[in-house]
């Protein structure tokens, strides 16, 4: 291999509680369920999928596929669509992200956004294929703009979630230092 990953920066999150992961997924679910006008629905990224991808990449040893399935079912219920289409697509994305997490972490976050764009586009293609099979209605090419907005948001989302982890580590590191 010509390039080797840098060991100077932490690539994976450690000592993260499952409750914190569930809390971030719950916040992402709330962001997805915010009401919006019909004009900005295509521009709004899938926050739940972005957080699932983040934890699948930065915490690959914690199996995110079960949580991805559950969050997908919540999204199916919230959107009133065929039960299981988001669940299947989210689980597939969590598997691919966890499988290639070392390759994705090799790059800085703005280059990771290209991988994330491909994953988001793949998820949208799977959901679109399932919708075309069941409903037979194509929503238009604007449907895929959501992948672009999610990929553009990735370099901003990564430092936000990493900074909260650093804050939590700093707080948990010396619990008895204050008297």
Foldseek 3Di string as FASTA:
>chain_A
DPDDADPPDQFAFPPDDPVVLVVQLVVLLVVLLDDDDPVCNLLAANSNLLSLLLCCQRPVVPQCLVVQLVSQQVVCVSVVHDGRLSSVLSSVLSVVSNVCSVVLSSDQQLVSLVVQLVSSQSSLVSSQVVCCVVPVDDPDPSNSNNSVSSSVCRNVVNVVVVVVSVVVCVCVVCVPPPD
